Amino acid sequence: MTARRKRGFALLSVERRRELASQGGRAAQAAGTAHQFTSEEARIAGRIGGVNVSADREHMSRIGTRGGKHRWAKPTDGDPPADTAD
């Protein structure tokens, strides 16, 4: 497998990317197009995200199974110890 070449912003140093992001933020504030969530908007967005994630029953089943096998889960009598590799 060949290594992928960096392109675009990935070629820039971390400092240069941070500088460009800062300029973009200042420009958005000056133009009046920047948006800051109110606590009410954030609460609603979080609820919608939670509803969407929990609607995927297969996903919820997978994460529930992983939680049950977590390394600090106490094995019941006769069960082998939980696998610690994640």
N, C-alpha and C. Protein backbone atom coordinates (compact mmCIF):
# COMPACT_ATOMS: atom_id res chain seq x y z
N MET A 1 0.84 -1.18 0.00
CA MET A 1 0.00 0.00 0.00
C MET A 1 0.89 1.24 0.00
N THR A 2 0.58 2.18 -0.83
CA THR A 2 1.40 3.38 -0.92
C THR A 2 0.91 4.45 0.05
N ALA A 3 1.84 5.27 0.52
CA ALA A 3 1.50 6.34 1.45
C ALA A 3 0.75 7.44 0.70
N ARG A 4 -0.22 8.05 1.38
CA ARG A 4 -0.97 9.14 0.76
C ARG A 4 -0.18 10.43 0.88
N ARG A 5 -0.22 11.23 -0.15
CA ARG A 5 0.47 12.51 -0.14
C ARG A 5 -0.43 13.56 0.47
N LYS A 6 0.18 14.44 1.26
CA LYS A 6 -0.58 15.53 1.85
C LYS A 6 -0.94 16.54 0.77
N ARG A 7 -2.15 17.10 0.93
CA ARG A 7 -2.61 18.11 -0.02
C ARG A 7 -3.28 19.23 0.74
N GLY A 8 -3.43 20.38 0.11
CA GLY A 8 -4.18 21.49 0.67
C GLY A 8 -3.66 21.95 2.02
N PHE A 9 -4.58 22.09 2.99
CA PHE A 9 -4.22 22.60 4.31
C PHE A 9 -3.29 21.66 5.06
N ALA A 10 -3.30 20.38 4.72
CA ALA A 10 -2.42 19.43 5.41
C ALA A 10 -0.95 19.75 5.16
N LEU A 11 -0.65 20.45 4.09
CA LEU A 11 0.73 20.83 3.80
C LEU A 11 1.21 21.97 4.69
N LEU A 12 0.29 22.74 5.26
CA LEU A 12 0.66 23.89 6.06
C LEU A 12 1.07 23.49 7.47
N SER A 13 1.89 24.32 8.09
CA SER A 13 2.27 24.06 9.48
C SER A 13 1.05 24.30 10.38
N VAL A 14 1.12 23.77 11.57
CA VAL A 14 0.03 23.94 12.53
C VAL A 14 -0.17 25.43 12.83
N GLU A 15 0.91 26.16 12.96
CA GLU A 15 0.81 27.60 13.25
C GLU A 15 0.10 28.34 12.13
N ARG A 16 0.44 28.00 10.89
CA ARG A 16 -0.17 28.68 9.73
C ARG A 16 -1.66 28.34 9.63
N ARG A 17 -2.02 27.08 9.88
CA ARG A 17 -3.44 26.70 9.86
C ARG A 17 -4.22 27.44 10.94
N ARG A 18 -3.62 27.55 12.12
CA ARG A 18 -4.27 28.26 13.22
C ARG A 18 -4.46 29.74 12.87
N GLU A 19 -3.45 30.32 12.23
CA GLU A 19 -3.53 31.72 11.82
C GLU A 19 -4.65 31.93 10.80
N LEU A 20 -4.76 31.04 9.82
CA LEU A 20 -5.81 31.15 8.81
C LEU A 20 -7.20 30.96 9.43
N ALA A 21 -7.32 30.02 10.35
CA ALA A 21 -8.61 29.80 11.01
C ALA A 21 -9.01 31.03 11.81
N SER A 22 -8.05 31.66 12.45
CA SER A 22 -8.31 32.87 13.23
C SER A 22 -8.80 34.00 12.31
N GLN A 23 -8.14 34.14 11.18
CA GLN A 23 -8.56 35.17 10.21
C GLN A 23 -9.98 34.91 9.73
N GLY A 24 -10.31 33.66 9.47
CA GLY A 24 -11.66 33.32 9.04
C GLY A 24 -12.69 33.63 10.10
N GLY A 25 -12.37 33.35 11.35
CA GLY A 25 -13.28 33.66 12.44
C GLY A 25 -13.50 35.15 12.59
N ARG A 26 -12.44 35.91 12.48
CA ARG A 26 -12.58 37.38 12.58
C ARG A 26 -13.40 37.92 11.42
N ALA A 27 -13.19 37.39 10.21
CA ALA A 27 -13.94 37.84 9.05
C ALA A 27 -15.43 37.52 9.20
N ALA A 28 -15.76 36.33 9.73
CA ALA A 28 -17.15 35.95 9.93
C ALA A 28 -17.81 36.85 10.97
N GLN A 29 -17.09 37.17 12.03
CA GLN A 29 -17.63 38.07 13.05
C GLN A 29 -17.90 39.46 12.45
N ALA A 30 -16.95 39.94 11.67
CA ALA A 30 -17.09 41.27 11.07
C ALA A 30 -18.25 41.31 10.07
N ALA A 31 -18.46 40.23 9.35
CA ALA A 31 -19.52 40.18 8.35
C ALA A 31 -20.88 39.90 8.98
N GLY A 32 -20.88 39.50 10.24
CA GLY A 32 -22.14 39.19 10.91
C GLY A 32 -22.70 37.83 10.56
N THR A 33 -21.86 36.95 10.00
CA THR A 33 -22.33 35.62 9.60
C THR A 33 -21.91 34.53 10.60
N ALA A 34 -21.16 34.91 11.63
CA ALA A 34 -20.75 33.94 12.65
C ALA A 34 -21.94 33.61 13.53
N HIS A 35 -21.96 32.40 14.06
CA HIS A 35 -23.08 31.99 14.90
C HIS A 35 -22.55 31.38 16.18
N GLN A 36 -23.13 31.79 17.31
CA GLN A 36 -22.80 31.18 18.58
C GLN A 36 -24.08 30.58 19.14
N PHE A 37 -24.00 29.31 19.52
CA PHE A 37 -25.18 28.63 20.06
C PHE A 37 -25.55 29.19 21.43
N THR A 38 -26.84 29.37 21.64
CA THR A 38 -27.32 29.65 22.99
C THR A 38 -27.43 28.31 23.70
N SER A 39 -27.58 28.33 25.01
CA SER A 39 -27.69 27.07 25.73
C SER A 39 -28.95 26.31 25.30
N GLU A 40 -30.01 27.03 24.97
CA GLU A 40 -31.24 26.38 24.51
C GLU A 40 -31.04 25.70 23.16
N GLU A 41 -30.36 26.38 22.22
CA GLU A 41 -30.08 25.78 20.91
C GLU A 41 -29.19 24.54 21.06
N ALA A 42 -28.20 24.62 21.93
CA ALA A 42 -27.30 23.48 22.14
C ALA A 42 -28.06 22.30 22.74
N ARG A 43 -28.97 22.57 23.67
CA ARG A 43 -29.76 21.51 24.29
C ARG A 43 -30.61 20.80 23.24
N ILE A 44 -31.26 21.57 22.38
CA ILE A 44 -32.10 21.00 21.33
C ILE A 44 -31.27 20.18 20.35
N ALA A 45 -30.12 20.72 19.94
CA ALA A 45 -29.24 20.00 19.00
C ALA A 45 -28.75 18.68 19.62
N GLY A 46 -28.38 18.70 20.88
CA GLY A 46 -27.93 17.48 21.55
C GLY A 46 -29.03 16.45 21.64
N ARG A 47 -30.25 16.90 21.91
CA ARG A 47 -31.38 15.97 21.99
C ARG A 47 -31.64 15.33 20.63
N ILE A 48 -31.61 16.12 19.58
CA ILE A 48 -31.85 15.59 18.23
C ILE A 48 -30.78 14.57 17.88
N GLY A 49 -29.52 14.88 18.19
CA GLY A 49 -28.44 13.94 17.92
C GLY A 49 -28.62 12.64 18.68
N GLY A 50 -29.01 12.73 19.94
CA GLY A 50 -29.23 11.54 20.74
C GLY A 50 -30.37 10.69 20.21
N VAL A 51 -31.43 11.33 19.77
CA VAL A 51 -32.58 10.60 19.21
C VAL A 51 -32.15 9.89 17.93
N ASN A 52 -31.38 10.57 17.09
CA ASN A 52 -30.94 9.96 15.83
C ASN A 52 -30.03 8.78 16.07
N VAL A 53 -29.10 8.88 17.00
CA VAL A 53 -28.18 7.79 17.28
C VAL A 53 -28.93 6.61 17.88
N SER A 54 -29.81 6.87 18.84
CA SER A 54 -30.50 5.76 19.50
C SER A 54 -31.52 5.09 18.60
N ALA A 55 -31.88 5.70 17.48
CA ALA A 55 -32.82 5.09 16.54
C ALA A 55 -32.17 3.91 15.81
N ASP A 56 -30.83 3.89 15.76
CA ASP A 56 -30.11 2.80 15.09
C ASP A 56 -29.95 1.67 16.10
N ARG A 57 -30.89 0.73 16.12
CA ARG A 57 -30.91 -0.34 17.11
C ARG A 57 -29.67 -1.23 17.03
N GLU A 58 -29.17 -1.47 15.83
CA GLU A 58 -27.98 -2.31 15.68
C GLU A 58 -26.78 -1.64 16.35
N HIS A 59 -26.63 -0.35 16.15
CA HIS A 59 -25.54 0.40 16.78
C HIS A 59 -25.65 0.35 18.30
N MET A 60 -26.85 0.57 18.82
CA MET A 60 -27.06 0.55 20.27
C MET A 60 -26.74 -0.84 20.84
N SER A 61 -27.08 -1.89 20.09
CA SER A 61 -26.78 -3.24 20.53
C SER A 61 -25.27 -3.46 20.59
N ARG A 62 -24.56 -2.99 19.59
CA ARG A 62 -23.09 -3.15 19.57
C ARG A 62 -22.44 -2.44 20.74
N ILE A 63 -22.84 -1.19 21.02
CA ILE A 63 -22.18 -0.47 22.11
C ILE A 63 -22.59 -1.04 23.46
N GLY A 64 -23.79 -1.57 23.57
CA GLY A 64 -24.20 -2.23 24.80
C GLY A 64 -23.40 -3.49 25.07
N THR A 65 -23.13 -4.24 24.01
CA THR A 65 -22.33 -5.45 24.14
C THR A 65 -20.91 -5.10 24.55
N ARG A 66 -20.35 -4.08 23.94
CA ARG A 66 -18.98 -3.65 24.30
C ARG A 66 -18.93 -3.23 25.76
N GLY A 67 -19.94 -2.52 26.23
CA GLY A 67 -19.95 -2.10 27.62
C GLY A 67 -19.98 -3.27 28.56
N GLY A 68 -20.71 -4.31 28.20
CA GLY A 68 -20.79 -5.50 29.03
C GLY A 68 -19.49 -6.28 29.07
N LYS A 69 -18.67 -6.13 28.08
CA LYS A 69 -17.40 -6.85 28.00
C LYS A 69 -16.21 -5.99 28.44
N HIS A 70 -16.49 -4.81 28.94
CA HIS A 70 -15.41 -3.89 29.29
C HIS A 70 -14.51 -4.49 30.33
N ARG A 71 -13.26 -4.10 30.35
CA ARG A 71 -12.25 -4.75 31.18
C ARG A 71 -12.54 -4.70 32.67
N TRP A 72 -13.30 -3.73 33.14
CA TRP A 72 -13.59 -3.70 34.57
C TRP A 72 -14.96 -4.29 34.91
N ALA A 73 -15.61 -4.85 33.91
CA ALA A 73 -16.88 -5.53 34.17
C ALA A 73 -16.59 -6.79 34.98
N LYS A 74 -17.34 -7.01 36.03
CA LYS A 74 -17.12 -8.15 36.90
C LYS A 74 -17.73 -9.39 36.27
N PRO A 75 -16.92 -10.43 36.01
CA PRO A 75 -17.47 -11.66 35.43
C PRO A 75 -18.36 -12.38 36.44
N THR A 76 -19.43 -12.99 35.94
CA THR A 76 -20.31 -13.76 36.82
C THR A 76 -19.74 -15.16 36.99
N ASP A 77 -20.26 -15.94 37.89
CA ASP A 77 -19.78 -17.29 38.14
C ASP A 77 -19.79 -18.10 36.84
N GLY A 78 -18.66 -18.73 36.54
CA GLY A 78 -18.58 -19.59 35.37
C GLY A 78 -18.24 -18.85 34.09
N ASP A 79 -18.31 -17.51 34.06
CA ASP A 79 -17.95 -16.75 32.86
C ASP A 79 -16.46 -16.54 32.81
N PRO A 80 -15.87 -16.62 31.62
CA PRO A 80 -14.44 -16.33 31.50
C PRO A 80 -14.22 -14.82 31.72
N PRO A 81 -13.01 -14.40 32.10
CA PRO A 81 -12.75 -12.97 32.26
C PRO A 81 -12.99 -12.23 30.97
N ALA A 82 -13.40 -10.96 31.06
CA ALA A 82 -13.67 -10.15 29.88
C ALA A 82 -12.38 -9.91 29.11
N ASP A 83 -12.48 -9.87 27.79
CA ASP A 83 -11.34 -9.58 26.92
C ASP A 83 -10.96 -8.13 27.10
N THR A 84 -9.68 -7.85 27.34
CA THR A 84 -9.24 -6.47 27.57
C THR A 84 -8.82 -5.77 26.30
N ALA A 85 -8.75 -6.46 25.18
CA ALA A 85 -8.35 -5.84 23.93
C ALA A 85 -9.56 -5.15 23.30
N ASP A 86 -9.42 -3.87 23.02
CA ASP A 86 -10.50 -3.11 22.37
C ASP A 86 -10.17 -2.83 20.95
